[in-house]
Amino acid sequence: MKKAILIIFGVGILNLPAWATEITYETCTDCPSCGTNCKYTLNNGKLIVYGPTEKNSDNTIDEGSIRNGAFIIGGQSIETVDIKGNITTIGADAFFRCGNITEVTFSDSVKTIGNAERYSENGVFNSSKLAVLNFGPNSQLETIGYSAFRNMVPTQPIVIPATVKNIGGLAFYSDFVRSTTPFVIEGVPENIDYYANFSCAKIYCRAAFEACTNLSNNPTYFTKTDEGLYVLTDEQGQIGENPTYFISANLMALDKNGEKGCKSISECQEIINAANQNKSFIAGGKFYASLSDWANGIYEKKRIYTVQEATKASAPTGNRVSIKYR
């Protein structure tokens, strides 16, 4: 028996029932449009935007874009945004007035978010509830426009992809709360508006990147080794004595006492190799069940049996007491 899909055209929202299977831009023939080569669904607060995925005869994939102001009407119910497929541009004010968005995940194909040349106070994502931005490891992002993430209050480090060339004014400005969560500028952008106003107390940027000093009174400098590890430096890029190495920008930004880093490049490489093989490992004399536990400072330490446990373990009942860890 076929089941109907309800489309509410008045607010431009397609609500998919829980039984619906995963779809793509090409298969979602009934999905409403949100721009050029762009469709979407909204279910229980989760907005999924679909861009083209299938190759043309010349082996290219059509580019998609989210139009300006696409979700101004009816967007208050959106809580998370997941952009899939070959969406390259997100228009200015696309999610303005969508004040309940908490997390946005971008496809690697997104190159432009808003407009870095045209002044705008509205913002692409203007939500004080926005806390998490997810950029993929192969992000092609180049432009973060005016007021793109205005009023967001990050709860975890925001790593700006190395491909970014332009950051517009008020891009990370907050009218309300100034977050203490760091931003990490992985690359060396060609242009950062003086009034980009990162709403955080700390910014990490590559050594000798002069534009960074315009954004913070006390920037922290870093560089990347040939092995792809992160290490803190002085403004000239010089590494000090006994440095701590980090396997990701997130860990570097989260670290306070060197607990999320390695004391040598070889130690980091061993940890990465172990994690890639889904193995536990020992670092700094401590046993970690996974890379995630290591990153969060959770390690296992044998605890000596109590007398009562030892007695119970030796009793002829067949019961055994497993060693507990802390």
Protein backbone atom coordinates (compact mmCIF):
# COMPACT_ATOMS: atom_id res chain seq x y z
CA MET A 1 0.00 0.00 0.00
CA LYS A 2 1.40 3.37 -0.98
CA LYS A 3 1.68 6.06 1.66
CA ALA A 4 1.26 9.73 0.86
CA ILE A 5 3.87 12.38 1.54
CA LEU A 6 2.40 15.61 2.85
CA ILE A 7 3.68 18.78 1.24
CA ILE A 8 2.73 22.07 2.89
CA PHE A 9 3.25 24.67 0.22
CA GLY A 10 2.12 27.55 2.37
CA VAL A 11 5.39 27.57 4.30
CA GLY A 12 7.42 25.69 1.74
CA ILE A 13 8.18 22.71 4.00
CA LEU A 14 8.17 19.03 3.14
CA ASN A 15 7.60 16.82 6.17
CA LEU A 16 8.81 13.28 5.68
CA PRO A 17 7.51 10.49 7.91
CA ALA A 18 9.97 8.37 9.89
CA TRP A 19 9.55 5.44 7.50
CA ALA A 20 10.90 7.39 4.54
CA THR A 21 14.18 6.09 3.16
CA GLU A 22 17.25 8.22 2.51
CA ILE A 23 16.91 10.22 -0.67
CA THR A 24 19.04 12.27 -3.04
CA TYR A 25 18.48 15.34 -5.16
CA GLU A 26 17.75 13.17 -8.18
CA THR A 27 15.29 10.81 -6.46
CA CYS A 28 13.37 13.40 -4.44
CA THR A 29 11.03 14.38 -7.25
CA ASP A 30 8.41 15.85 -4.91
CA CYS A 31 10.80 17.87 -2.73
CA PRO A 32 10.31 21.65 -2.84
CA SER A 33 13.03 23.87 -4.27
CA CYS A 34 15.19 26.22 -2.21
CA GLY A 35 17.24 27.66 -5.06
CA THR A 36 19.01 26.60 -8.21
CA ASN A 37 19.46 22.82 -8.45
CA CYS A 38 18.51 22.70 -4.78
CA LYS A 39 15.80 20.77 -2.92
CA TYR A 40 15.11 20.07 0.73
CA THR A 41 13.17 18.12 3.33
CA LEU A 42 12.33 18.98 6.92
CA ASN A 43 11.46 16.34 9.47
CA ASN A 44 11.32 16.83 13.25
CA GLY A 45 13.46 19.95 13.11
CA LYS A 46 16.14 18.41 10.86
CA LEU A 47 16.54 20.23 7.56
CA ILE A 48 18.40 18.39 4.79
CA VAL A 49 19.35 20.35 1.69
CA TYR A 50 20.12 18.30 -1.41
CA GLY A 51 22.35 19.33 -4.30
CA PRO A 52 23.07 17.34 -7.48
CA THR A 53 25.12 14.17 -7.12
CA GLU A 54 24.94 12.47 -10.53
CA LYS A 55 27.55 13.14 -13.20
CA ASN A 56 26.70 14.51 -16.61
CA SER A 57 27.97 13.03 -19.86
CA ASP A 58 31.05 15.27 -19.63
CA ASN A 59 31.81 13.86 -16.15
CA THR A 60 30.82 17.08 -14.36
CA ILE A 61 28.17 17.57 -11.70
CA ASP A 62 25.76 20.49 -11.90
CA GLU A 63 26.25 23.12 -9.20
CA GLY A 64 23.49 23.98 -6.79
CA SER A 65 22.84 27.09 -4.70
CA ILE A 66 20.53 28.08 -1.86
CA ARG A 67 18.79 31.32 -2.79
CA ASN A 68 18.84 34.51 -0.74
CA GLY A 69 16.25 34.43 2.05
CA ALA A 70 15.29 30.83 1.20
CA PHE A 71 14.07 29.92 4.69
CA ILE A 72 13.07 33.27 6.18
CA ILE A 73 9.43 32.19 6.04
CA GLY A 74 8.64 29.04 8.01
CA GLY A 75 12.19 28.51 9.24
CA GLN A 76 11.58 28.81 12.97
CA SER A 77 11.04 25.04 13.23
CA ILE A 78 14.52 24.27 11.85
CA GLU A 79 16.95 23.00 14.53
CA THR A 80 19.75 21.40 12.51
CA VAL A 81 20.90 21.87 8.92
CA ASP A 82 22.68 19.22 6.84
CA ILE A 83 23.82 20.28 3.37
CA LYS A 84 24.47 17.43 0.96
CA GLY A 85 25.48 17.06 -2.67
CA ASN A 86 27.07 19.67 -4.90
CA ILE A 87 25.77 22.83 -3.24
CA THR A 88 28.40 25.53 -3.86
CA THR A 89 26.70 28.73 -2.69
CA ILE A 90 24.53 29.68 0.27
CA GLY A 91 22.84 33.01 -0.39
CA ALA A 92 22.79 36.02 1.91
CA ASP A 93 20.01 35.94 4.54
CA ALA A 94 19.24 32.33 3.57
CA PHE A 95 18.55 31.32 7.17
CA PHE A 96 17.86 34.74 8.66
CA ARG A 97 15.15 34.56 11.37
CA CYS A 98 15.77 30.83 11.78
CA GLY A 99 16.53 31.43 15.44
CA ASN A 100 16.38 27.83 16.66
CA ILE A 101 19.23 26.40 14.59
CA THR A 102 21.85 24.77 16.83
CA GLU A 103 24.11 22.93 14.37
CA VAL A 104 25.06 23.17 10.69
CA THR A 105 26.93 20.56 8.65
CA PHE A 106 28.37 21.68 5.31
CA SER A 107 29.18 19.51 2.33
CA ASP A 108 32.76 19.83 1.09
CA SER A 109 31.46 21.46 -2.11
CA VAL A 110 30.27 24.67 -0.40
CA LYS A 111 32.52 27.53 -1.56
CA THR A 112 30.57 30.64 -0.59
CA ILE A 113 28.48 31.42 2.49
CA GLY A 114 26.82 34.81 2.05
CA ASN A 115 28.51 37.81 0.49
CA ALA A 116 31.87 39.16 1.68
CA GLU A 117 31.57 42.35 -0.39
CA ARG A 118 28.02 43.49 0.37
CA TYR A 119 27.29 44.82 3.86
CA SER A 120 24.50 43.03 5.68
CA GLU A 121 23.45 42.88 9.33
CA ASN A 122 20.90 40.13 8.84
CA GLY A 123 23.30 37.24 8.46
CA VAL A 124 23.14 33.93 6.65
CA PHE A 125 22.76 32.01 9.92
CA ASN A 126 21.69 34.48 12.58
CA SER A 127 20.92 32.42 15.66
CA SER A 128 22.13 32.79 19.24
CA LYS A 129 21.43 29.07 19.64
CA LEU A 130 23.89 28.13 16.89
CA ALA A 131 26.74 26.35 18.64
CA VAL A 132 28.33 23.87 16.21
CA LEU A 133 29.69 24.24 12.66
CA ASN A 134 30.89 21.10 10.89
CA PHE A 135 33.25 21.48 7.93
CA GLY A 136 34.55 18.37 6.20
CA PRO A 137 38.26 17.49 5.90
CA ASN A 138 38.11 18.27 2.16
CA SER A 139 36.16 21.50 2.45
CA GLN A 140 36.44 23.86 -0.54
CA LEU A 141 35.08 26.86 1.36
CA GLU A 142 36.53 30.14 0.11
CA THR A 143 34.26 32.94 1.32
CA ILE A 144 32.52 33.61 4.63
CA GLY A 145 30.33 36.65 4.02
CA TYR A 146 29.05 39.56 6.08
CA SER A 147 27.27 38.51 9.27
CA ALA A 148 27.46 34.89 8.08
CA PHE A 149 27.35 33.41 11.59
CA ARG A 150 26.30 36.44 13.54
CA ASN A 151 25.30 35.82 17.16
CA MET A 152 26.44 32.21 17.25
CA VAL A 153 27.87 31.02 20.58
CA PRO A 154 30.16 28.05 19.85
CA THR A 155 30.44 25.21 22.35
CA GLN A 156 33.44 23.57 20.67
CA PRO A 157 36.36 25.01 18.69
CA ILE A 158 35.42 26.34 15.27
CA VAL A 159 38.08 25.30 12.75
CA ILE A 160 37.95 27.56 9.71
CA PRO A 161 39.14 25.54 6.68
CA ALA A 162 42.54 26.32 5.19
CA THR A 163 40.88 27.06 1.82
CA VAL A 164 39.12 30.19 3.12
CA LYS A 165 40.31 33.36 1.35
CA ASN A 166 37.81 35.98 2.52
CA ILE A 167 36.02 36.66 5.81
CA GLY A 168 33.51 39.52 5.74
CA GLY A 169 32.60 42.03 8.43
CA LEU A 170 30.53 40.91 11.43
CA ALA A 171 31.01 37.32 10.26
CA PHE A 172 31.27 36.05 13.83
CA TYR A 173 30.01 39.09 15.71
CA SER A 174 27.72 38.54 18.68
CA ASP A 175 25.15 41.03 19.89
CA PHE A 176 24.65 39.00 23.06
CA VAL A 177 27.23 36.65 24.56
CA ARG A 178 30.96 36.54 23.88
CA SER A 179 32.07 32.94 23.83
CA THR A 180 35.36 31.79 25.30
CA THR A 181 35.55 28.91 22.81
CA PRO A 182 38.48 29.40 20.39
CA PHE A 183 38.45 29.82 16.63
CA VAL A 184 41.25 28.23 14.62
CA ILE A 185 42.18 29.83 11.29
CA GLU A 186 43.91 26.94 9.54
CA GLY A 187 45.01 28.83 6.44
CA VAL A 188 46.18 32.33 5.62
CA PRO A 189 43.17 34.19 4.19
CA GLU A 190 43.84 36.91 1.63
CA ASN A 191 41.30 39.27 3.14
CA ILE A 192 39.72 39.53 6.58
CA ASP A 193 37.49 42.49 7.25
CA TYR A 194 38.74 44.47 10.23
CA TYR A 195 35.24 44.21 11.70
CA ALA A 196 34.92 40.45 11.35
CA ASN A 197 34.72 40.55 15.16
CA PHE A 198 35.28 37.00 16.22
CA SER A 199 33.08 36.61 19.29
CA CYS A 200 35.64 34.67 21.26
CA ALA A 201 38.40 35.38 23.73
CA LYS A 202 41.05 33.43 21.86
CA ILE A 203 42.04 32.98 18.24
CA TYR A 204 44.58 30.50 16.91
CA CYS A 205 46.24 31.45 13.66
CA ARG A 206 49.29 30.50 11.66
CA ALA A 207 52.55 32.11 12.65
CA ALA A 208 53.42 35.40 10.94
CA PHE A 209 49.82 35.86 9.78
CA GLU A 210 49.58 39.61 10.33
CA ALA A 211 45.83 39.96 9.73
CA CYS A 212 45.24 37.86 12.82
CA THR A 213 46.42 40.68 15.08
CA ASN A 214 43.48 42.77 13.87
CA LEU A 215 41.06 40.28 15.35
CA SER A 216 42.44 39.64 18.82
CA ASN A 217 44.59 41.41 21.38
CA ASN A 218 46.28 38.20 22.32
CA PRO A 219 46.41 35.72 19.42
CA THR A 220 47.98 32.30 19.80
CA TYR A 221 50.21 31.20 16.93
CA PHE A 222 50.72 27.73 15.55
CA THR A 223 52.20 25.94 12.56
CA LYS A 224 51.84 22.50 11.00
CA THR A 225 54.66 20.01 10.68
CA ASP A 226 55.40 18.02 7.55
CA GLU A 227 53.58 15.14 9.24
CA GLY A 228 50.40 17.22 9.48
CA LEU A 229 50.64 17.75 13.25
CA TYR A 230 49.93 21.04 14.99
CA VAL A 231 52.41 22.76 17.28
CA LEU A 232 52.35 26.13 19.03
CA THR A 233 54.98 28.69 18.06
CA ASP A 234 55.90 32.30 18.62
CA GLU A 235 54.84 35.02 16.19
CA GLN A 236 57.78 34.27 13.91
CA GLY A 237 56.92 30.58 13.72
CA GLN A 238 59.73 29.38 15.98
CA ILE A 239 59.03 26.26 18.02
CA GLY A 240 60.13 26.48 21.64
CA GLU A 241 61.87 23.86 23.75
CA ASN A 242 59.99 20.68 24.69
CA PRO A 243 56.98 21.40 22.45
CA THR A 244 53.67 19.58 22.59
CA TYR A 245 52.31 18.24 19.32
CA PHE A 246 48.63 17.84 18.51
CA ILE A 247 46.98 15.57 15.97
CA SER A 248 44.12 17.99 15.23
CA ALA A 249 43.29 21.68 15.43
CA ASN A 250 40.37 20.87 17.75
CA LEU A 251 42.62 19.20 20.30
CA MET A 252 45.09 22.07 20.13
CA ALA A 253 42.36 24.61 20.78
CA LEU A 254 40.86 22.56 23.61
CA ASP A 255 44.16 21.84 25.34
CA LYS A 256 45.18 23.66 28.50
CA ASN A 257 47.94 21.60 30.09
CA GLY A 258 49.32 19.54 27.22
CA GLU A 259 47.10 16.61 28.17
CA LYS A 260 45.58 16.35 24.69
CA GLY A 261 48.91 16.40 22.91
CA CYS A 262 52.06 14.32 22.39
CA LYS A 263 55.56 14.96 23.63
CA SER A 264 57.05 13.88 20.32
CA ILE A 265 56.08 13.45 16.69
CA SER A 266 56.68 9.71 16.91
CA GLU A 267 54.27 9.43 19.86
CA CYS A 268 51.55 11.19 17.86
CA GLN A 269 52.18 8.91 14.91
CA GLU A 270 51.87 5.81 17.08
CA ILE A 271 48.58 7.08 18.46
CA ILE A 272 47.25 7.85 14.98
CA ASN A 273 48.27 4.41 13.70
CA ALA A 274 46.66 2.68 16.68
CA ALA A 275 43.47 4.69 16.29
CA ASN A 276 43.30 3.93 12.56
CA GLN A 277 43.46 0.25 13.40
CA ASN A 278 40.80 0.70 16.08
CA LYS A 279 43.18 -0.42 18.78
CA SER A 280 43.78 0.63 22.35
CA PHE A 281 47.15 2.12 23.17
CA ILE A 282 49.39 3.42 25.93
CA ALA A 283 50.47 7.06 25.95
CA GLY A 284 52.35 8.79 28.72
CA GLY A 285 52.22 5.65 30.83
CA LYS A 286 48.40 5.55 30.71
CA PHE A 287 46.15 3.04 28.98
CA TYR A 288 43.49 4.40 26.60
CA ALA A 289 40.71 2.33 25.10
CA SER A 290 40.29 4.62 22.09
CA LEU A 291 41.44 7.85 20.48
CA SER A 292 38.25 9.49 21.71
CA ASP A 293 39.06 8.55 25.31
CA TRP A 294 42.59 9.87 24.88
CA ALA A 295 41.28 13.17 23.48
CA ASN A 296 38.90 13.50 26.42
CA GLY A 297 41.47 12.53 29.04
CA ILE A 298 39.71 9.27 29.96
CA TYR A 299 42.17 6.52 30.77
CA GLU A 300 42.06 3.21 32.60
CA LYS A 301 44.04 2.51 35.73
CA LYS A 302 44.03 -0.82 37.52
CA ARG A 303 42.57 -0.74 41.01
CA ILE A 304 43.76 -3.21 43.64
CA TYR A 305 41.22 -5.76 44.83
CA THR A 306 39.63 -5.08 48.19
CA VAL A 307 39.73 -7.89 50.74
CA GLN A 308 36.03 -8.52 50.26
CA GLU A 309 36.38 -8.79 46.47
CA ALA A 310 39.37 -11.08 46.74
CA THR A 311 37.49 -13.32 49.15
CA LYS A 312 34.46 -13.45 46.90
CA ALA A 313 36.58 -14.20 43.86
CA SER A 314 38.22 -17.16 45.58
CA ALA A 315 34.97 -18.61 46.91
CA PRO A 316 33.95 -21.93 45.28
CA THR A 317 30.75 -20.49 43.80
CA GLY A 318 31.92 -20.09 40.27
CA ASN A 319 31.53 -16.33 40.56
CA ARG A 320 34.32 -14.15 39.26
CA VAL A 321 35.06 -10.52 39.93
CA SER A 322 36.30 -8.51 37.00
CA ILE A 323 38.98 -5.94 37.55
CA LYS A 324 37.55 -2.46 37.69
CA TYR A 325 39.20 0.55 36.18
CA ARG A 326 39.11 4.26 36.84
